[in-house]
Structure formats: structure tokens, C-alpha cells
C-alpha atoms as a PDB file:
ATOM      1  CA  MET A   1      77.324  76.983 111.670  1.00  0.00           C
ATOM      2  CA  PHE A   2      76.294  80.220 113.391  1.00  0.00           C
ATOM      3  CA  SER A   3      75.913  78.471 116.759  1.00  0.00           C
ATOM      4  CA  LEU A   4      79.558  77.375 116.685  1.00  0.00           C
ATOM      5  CA  PRO A   5      82.287  79.468 118.334  1.00  0.00           C
ATOM      6  CA  PRO A   6      84.361  81.617 115.921  1.00  0.00           C
ATOM      7  CA  GLU A   7      87.425  79.351 116.313  1.00  0.00           C
ATOM      8  CA  VAL A   8      85.428  76.328 115.149  1.00  0.00           C
ATOM      9  CA  GLN A   9      83.884  78.316 112.282  1.00  0.00           C
ATOM     10  CA  LEU A  10      87.403  79.256 111.199  1.00  0.00           C
ATOM     11  CA  ASP A  11      88.508  75.600 111.330  1.00  0.00           C
ATOM     12  CA  VAL A  12      85.562  74.672 109.086  1.00  0.00           C
ATOM     13  CA  LEU A  13      86.458  77.448 106.619  1.00  0.00           C
ATOM     14  CA  LYS A  14      90.059  76.171 106.455  1.00  0.00           C
ATOM     15  CA  CYS A  15      88.738  72.942 104.914  1.00  0.00           C
ATOM     16  CA  LEU A  16      87.289  74.806 101.909  1.00  0.00           C
ATOM     17  CA  ASN A  17      89.097  75.599  98.679  1.00  0.00           C
ATOM     18  CA  PHE A  18      89.128  79.085  97.149  1.00  0.00           C
ATOM     19  CA  ASN A  19      86.021  78.586  94.992  1.00  0.00           C
ATOM     20  CA  GLN A  20      84.050  77.192  97.913  1.00  0.00           C
ATOM     21  CA  LEU A  21      85.141  80.113 100.103  1.00  0.00           C
ATOM     22  CA  PHE A  22      84.054  82.545  97.409  1.00  0.00           C
ATOM     23  CA  ALA A  23      80.612  80.906  97.247  1.00  0.00           C
ATOM     24  CA  VAL A  24      80.264  81.006 101.047  1.00  0.00           C
ATOM     25  CA  LYS A  25      81.210  84.710 101.037  1.00  0.00           C
ATOM     26  CA  LEU A  26      78.180  85.403  98.873  1.00  0.00           C
ATOM     27  CA  THR A  27      75.710  83.778 101.272  1.00  0.00           C
ATOM     28  CA  ASN A  28      75.572  86.475 103.938  1.00  0.00           C
ATOM     29  CA  PHE A  29      77.277  89.486 105.443  1.00  0.00           C
ATOM     30  CA  TYR A  30      78.489  87.698 108.597  1.00  0.00           C
ATOM     31  CA  LEU A  31      80.384  85.013 106.673  1.00  0.00           C
ATOM     32  CA  LEU A  32      81.762  87.620 104.270  1.00  0.00           C
ATOM     33  CA  ASN A  33      83.237  89.562 107.197  1.00  0.00           C
ATOM     34  CA  LEU A  34      84.555  86.410 108.879  1.00  0.00           C
ATOM     35  CA  ILE A  35      86.315  85.239 105.705  1.00  0.00           C
ATOM     36  CA  ASN A  36      87.709  88.710 104.994  1.00  0.00           C
ATOM     37  CA  LYS A  37      89.027  88.975 108.559  1.00  0.00           C
ATOM     38  CA  TYR A  38      90.938  85.687 108.352  1.00  0.00           C
ATOM     39  CA  GLU A  39      91.666  85.549 104.613  1.00  0.00           C
ATOM     40  CA  GLY A  40      95.434  85.344 105.179  1.00  0.00           C
ATOM     41  CA  GLY A  41      95.052  81.910 106.766  1.00  0.00           C
ATOM     42  CA  LEU A  42      92.482  80.548 104.331  1.00  0.00           C
ATOM     43  CA  ALA A  43      92.770  79.038 100.848  1.00  0.00           C
ATOM     44  CA  ARG A  44      94.030  81.310  98.106  1.00  0.00           C
ATOM     45  CA  MET A  45      93.381  81.283  94.391  1.00  0.00           C
ATOM     46  CA  LYS A  46      96.071  79.209  92.686  1.00  0.00           C
ATOM     47  CA  PHE A  47      97.650  79.950  89.325  1.00  0.00           C
ATOM     48  CA  ARG A  48     100.400  78.278  87.370  1.00  0.00           C
ATOM     49  CA  ARG A  49     102.416  81.306  86.297  1.00  0.00           C
ATOM     50  CA  LEU A  50     102.790  85.039  86.826  1.00  0.00           C
ATOM     51  CA  SER A  51     105.049  87.232  84.709  1.00  0.00           C
ATOM     52  CA  ILE A  52     105.445  90.767  83.469  1.00  0.00           C
ATOM     53  CA  VAL A  53     105.589  91.004  79.685  1.00  0.00           C
ATOM     54  CA  GLY A  54     105.690  93.708  77.063  1.00  0.00           C
ATOM     55  CA  LEU A  55     103.191  94.470  74.326  1.00  0.00           C
ATOM     56  CA  ASN A  56     105.328  92.626  71.744  1.00  0.00           C
ATOM     57  CA  PHE A  57     104.928  89.355  73.678  1.00  0.00           C
ATOM     58  CA  LEU A  58     101.193  89.893  73.957  1.00  0.00           C
ATOM     59  CA  LEU A  59     100.801  90.459  70.208  1.00  0.00           C
ATOM     60  CA  ARG A  60     102.526  87.131  69.421  1.00  0.00           C
ATOM     61  CA  LEU A  61      99.976  85.046  71.334  1.00  0.00           C
ATOM     62  CA  SER A  62      97.120  83.363  69.517  1.00  0.00           C
ATOM     63  CA  SER A  63      94.681  83.348  72.427  1.00  0.00           C
ATOM     64  CA  TYR A  64      94.429  85.478  75.524  1.00  0.00           C
ATOM     65  CA  LYS A  65      91.823  87.263  77.584  1.00  0.00           C
ATOM     66  CA  SER A  66      92.157  90.784  78.852  1.00  0.00           C
ATOM     67  CA  ILE A  67      91.230  91.776  82.401  1.00  0.00           C
ATOM     68  CA  GLU A  68      89.944  95.323  82.656  1.00  0.00           C
ATOM     69  CA  PRO A  69      91.767  97.095  85.508  1.00  0.00           C
ATOM     70  CA  GLN A  70      88.573  98.798  86.668  1.00  0.00           C
ATOM     71  CA  SER A  71      86.806  95.424  87.020  1.00  0.00           C
ATOM     72  CA  GLY A  72      88.188  94.697  90.494  1.00  0.00           C
ATOM     73  CA  VAL A  73      86.320  95.367  93.702  1.00  0.00           C
ATOM     74  CA  PHE A  74      88.574  97.519  95.824  1.00  0.00           C
ATOM     75  CA  LYS A  75      88.273  98.643  99.416  1.00  0.00           C
ATOM     76  CA  PHE A  76      91.081 101.113  99.910  1.00  0.00           C
ATOM     77  CA  ILE A  77      91.313 104.116 102.196  1.00  0.00           C
ATOM     78  CA  LEU A  78      93.826 106.706 101.101  1.00  0.00           C
ATOM     79  CA  ASP A  79      95.102 108.902 103.924  1.00  0.00           C
ATOM     80  CA  ALA A  80      96.382 112.436 103.326  1.00  0.00           C
ATOM     81  CA  GLN A  81     100.048 111.535 103.859  1.00  0.00           C
ATOM     82  CA  LEU A  82     100.031 108.720 101.300  1.00  0.00           C
ATOM     83  CA  LYS A  83      98.007 110.854  98.882  1.00  0.00           C
ATOM     84  CA  ASP A  84     100.694 113.577  99.073  1.00  0.00           C
ATOM     85  CA  LYS A  85     103.462 111.025  98.396  1.00  0.00           C
ATOM     86  CA  TRP A  86     101.580 109.548  95.482  1.00  0.00           C
ATOM     87  CA  GLN A  87     100.903 112.993  94.032  1.00  0.00           C
ATOM     88  CA  ALA A  88     104.629 113.791  94.277  1.00  0.00           C
ATOM     89  CA  ALA A  89     105.426 110.529  92.444  1.00  0.00           C
ATOM     90  CA  ILE A  90     102.876 111.419  89.742  1.00  0.00           C
ATOM     91  CA  ASP A  91     104.286 114.940  89.390  1.00  0.00           C
ATOM     92  CA  LYS A  92     107.837 113.575  89.004  1.00  0.00           C
ATOM     93  CA  SER A  93     106.689 110.761  86.654  1.00  0.00           C
ATOM     94  CA  ILE A  94     108.219 108.100  88.893  1.00  0.00           C
ATOM     95  CA  PRO A  95     107.327 104.673  87.472  1.00  0.00           C
ATOM     96  CA  LEU A  96     105.672 102.062  89.671  1.00  0.00           C
ATOM     97  CA  PHE A  97     107.564  99.330  87.865  1.00  0.00           C
ATOM     98  CA  LEU A  98     109.661  98.918  84.756  1.00  0.00           C
ATOM     99  CA  HIS A  99     110.322  95.846  82.674  1.00  0.00           C
ATOM    100  CA  GLN A 100     113.236  94.991  80.383  1.00  0.00           C
ATOM    101  CA  SER A 101     111.211  94.661  77.184  1.00  0.00           C
ATOM    102  CA  GLU A 102     109.593  98.076  77.069  1.00  0.00           C
ATOM    103  CA  CYS A 103     109.305 101.272  79.023  1.00  0.00           C
ATOM    104  CA  GLY A 104     106.000 102.405  77.573  1.00  0.00           C
ATOM    105  CA  ARG A 105     102.996 103.780  79.402  1.00  0.00           C
ATOM    106  CA  TYR A 106     101.733 100.284  80.301  1.00  0.00           C
ATOM    107  CA  SER A 107     103.051  96.917  81.397  1.00  0.00           C
ATOM    108  CA  TYR A 108     101.141  93.694  81.080  1.00  0.00           C
ATOM    109  CA  ILE A 109     100.829  91.172  83.885  1.00  0.00           C
ATOM    110  CA  CYS A 110     100.444  87.679  82.409  1.00  0.00           C
ATOM    111  CA  ILE A 111      98.557  85.105  84.502  1.00  0.00           C
ATOM    112  CA  GLU A 112      98.147  81.458  83.479  1.00  0.00           C
ATOM    113  CA  LYS A 113      95.943  78.903  85.205  1.00  0.00           C
ATOM    114  CA  THR A 114      97.214  75.931  83.148  1.00  0.00           C
ATOM    115  CA  PRO A 115     100.301  75.352  80.998  1.00  0.00           C
ATOM    116  CA  SER A 116      99.867  77.173  77.681  1.00  0.00           C
ATOM    117  CA  HIS A 117     100.793  74.036  75.703  1.00  0.00           C
ATOM    118  CA  LEU A 118      97.653  72.386  77.150  1.00  0.00           C
ATOM    119  CA  LEU A 119      95.515  74.994  75.369  1.00  0.00           C
ATOM    120  CA  GLY A 120      95.319  77.106  78.473  1.00  0.00           C
ATOM    121  CA  VAL A 121      94.264  80.691  78.067  1.00  0.00           C
ATOM    122  CA  SER A 122      96.539  83.425  79.317  1.00  0.00           C
ATOM    123  CA  TYR A 123      95.005  86.384  81.095  1.00  0.00           C
ATOM    124  CA  PHE A 124      96.516  89.830  80.814  1.00  0.00           C
ATOM    125  CA  LEU A 125      96.113  92.756  83.134  1.00  0.00           C
ATOM    126  CA  LYS A 126      97.227  96.102  81.700  1.00  0.00           C
ATOM    127  CA  LEU A 127      98.633  98.372  84.411  1.00  0.00           C
ATOM    128  CA  ALA A 128     100.034 101.868  84.075  1.00  0.00           C
ATOM    129  CA  ASN A 129     103.803 102.223  84.516  1.00  0.00           C
ATOM    130  CA  PHE A 130     103.471 105.967  84.969  1.00  0.00           C
ATOM    131  CA  PRO A 131     100.074 106.649  86.558  1.00  0.00           C
ATOM    132  CA  ILE A 132      98.761 110.077  85.609  1.00  0.00           C
ATOM    133  CA  ASN A 133      96.380 110.523  88.548  1.00  0.00           C
ATOM    134  CA  ILE A 134      95.559 109.198  92.015  1.00  0.00           C
ATOM    135  CA  GLU A 135      92.783 106.975  90.646  1.00  0.00           C
ATOM    136  CA  GLU A 136      95.274 105.076  88.463  1.00  0.00           C
ATOM    137  CA  MET A 137      97.621 104.715  91.458  1.00  0.00           C
ATOM    138  CA  ILE A 138      94.796 103.195  93.505  1.00  0.00           C
ATOM    139  CA  ILE A 139      93.902 100.778  90.690  1.00  0.00           C
ATOM    140  CA  VAL A 140      97.516  99.592  90.320  1.00  0.00           C
ATOM    141  CA  ARG A 141      98.032  99.251  94.067  1.00  0.00           C
ATOM    142  CA  CYS A 142      94.808  97.311  94.585  1.00  0.00           C
ATOM    143  CA  TRP A 143      95.463  94.925  91.675  1.00  0.00           C
ATOM    144  CA  LEU A 144      98.962  94.218  92.949  1.00  0.00           C
ATOM    145  CA  GLU A 145      97.489  93.557  96.390  1.00  0.00           C
ATOM    146  CA  HIS A 146      94.988  91.117  94.830  1.00  0.00           C
ATOM    147  CA  LEU A 147      97.784  89.335  92.970  1.00  0.00           C
ATOM    148  CA  PHE A 148      99.980  89.082  96.057  1.00  0.00           C
ATOM    149  CA  LYS A 149      97.135  87.298  97.867  1.00  0.00           C
ATOM    150  CA  CYS A 150      97.212  84.497  95.271  1.00  0.00           C
ATOM    151  CA  VAL A 151      99.473  81.462  95.024  1.00  0.00           C
ATOM    152  CA  PHE A 152     101.684  81.018  91.951  1.00  0.00           C
ATOM    153  CA  GLU A 153     103.687  77.917  91.097  1.00  0.00           C
ATOM    154  CA  TRP A 154     106.121  80.016  89.100  1.00  0.00           C
ATOM    155  CA  ALA A 155     106.789  83.750  88.781  1.00  0.00           C
ATOM    156  CA  SER A 156     109.106  85.622  86.442  1.00  0.00           C
ATOM    157  CA  PHE A 157     110.223  89.185  87.051  1.00  0.00           C
ATOM    158  CA  VAL A 158     113.324  89.160  84.863  1.00  0.00           C
ATOM    159  CA  GLU A 159     114.982  92.565  84.804  1.00  0.00           C
ATOM    160  CA  SER A 160     112.046  94.250  86.520  1.00  0.00           C
ATOM    161  CA  ILE A 161     112.109  97.088  89.014  1.00  0.00           C
ATOM    162  CA  PHE A 162     109.315  97.730  91.518  1.00  0.00           C
ATOM    163  CA  ASN A 163     109.025 101.004  93.416  1.00  0.00           C
ATOM    164  CA  ILE A 164     106.950 100.357  96.509  1.00  0.00           C
ATOM    165  CA  TYR A 165     106.259 103.297  98.748  1.00  0.00           C
ATOM    166  CA  SER A 166     106.096 102.458 102.413  1.00  0.00           C
ATOM    167  CA  PRO A 167     102.788 103.540 103.993  1.00  0.00           C
ATOM    168  CA  ASN A 168     104.596 104.585 107.188  1.00  0.00           C
ATOM    169  CA  GLY A 169     106.581 107.135 105.199  1.00  0.00           C
ATOM    170  CA  ARG A 170     110.037 105.962 106.269  1.00  0.00           C
ATOM    171  CA  LYS A 171     111.483 104.848 102.950  1.00  0.00           C
ATOM    172  CA  ALA A 172     110.804 103.806  99.403  1.00  0.00           C
ATOM    173  CA  ILE A 173     111.614 100.184  98.650  1.00  0.00           C
ATOM    174  CA  THR A 174     113.017  99.134  95.263  1.00  0.00           C
ATOM    175  CA  TYR A 175     113.338  95.466  94.241  1.00  0.00           C
END
């Protein structure tokens, strides 16, 4: 594969599914960089459902698995301007997102690979609504970036508010 031009290598990678791409990434540094460079045009991890739920919903489930927020591998460079904006948001206790069910310290992102009635396991990611330091802001931002790179058949953000700070500093975006 290394003797092929980059365009042909990319065409070959487009034929792989997400799990195959992940396995190829682990083979060597060159393929890792190639896949990372063109990841927007390659296969993405597919899930059935994404939703934001409160702790009460989580406690009613019989089976679920928790994802530790620190378990992700993040490559994120924080420039001084964004760091200042984030620190101002932390100082003012501006929430990153709020959900209808609760306004506690954390929200839970529910991810399902299969329908729950088919004995599928739900995965939950606990993210801070009101990050207390820059490290928590980085964790939340990077996990949201990971999630937005996936494909979901269905997503539910009923009565949810997201505060997304523009990296160019022009405006804050609320959905």
C-alpha cells in the first residue's frame, strides 16, 4: 500500500468500516497520520441513539455502562485567547449546556448501539454542566468533539441549551 499514491491510498481507506480503520490506525505511524488527516471523509462510528438525560433517568435503568470522561485520548491545543474566555465562563459559572430534567453539576449523555428492547446496553458519559477548571472544560469540549464525529440514527436534545464559544472570538452561539 505504501507504494501507491496518497489519492489511491485514500480510496482504499474509504472502503473500510470504522472498526477496520481503527485497526489499520494501530499498525503504523504513517497510516495513523493519513487516517487522521482525512477522517472527515472516512467511515465513522455508528450508534443508534444519542440523548441527554438526567440522573433520575439513569437510576431507573437496569443495565448501563459508564464511560469515564478522562478515558478519552485528546489532542487539543488551548491558545491564550480561548483560555481567557473559558476562564471568564468558569468565573461566571456559565453552563456549557442545560437540560430540562435537572440543572445539577452534571449531565449524562446516553449512547445506545442497539435498541434497548433488544437487550442492548446503554452507555453513559457524565459531563460537567458547570466546569470548575480549565481541565474540565477541555474534557467536555473534546468529548463533544468525539461525539460529533460519530453517526447517530436518532438524537434527542429536548429542551436543551448548548453554549458554544466560537474559537475566533466573534460571538457565543446558543442552540
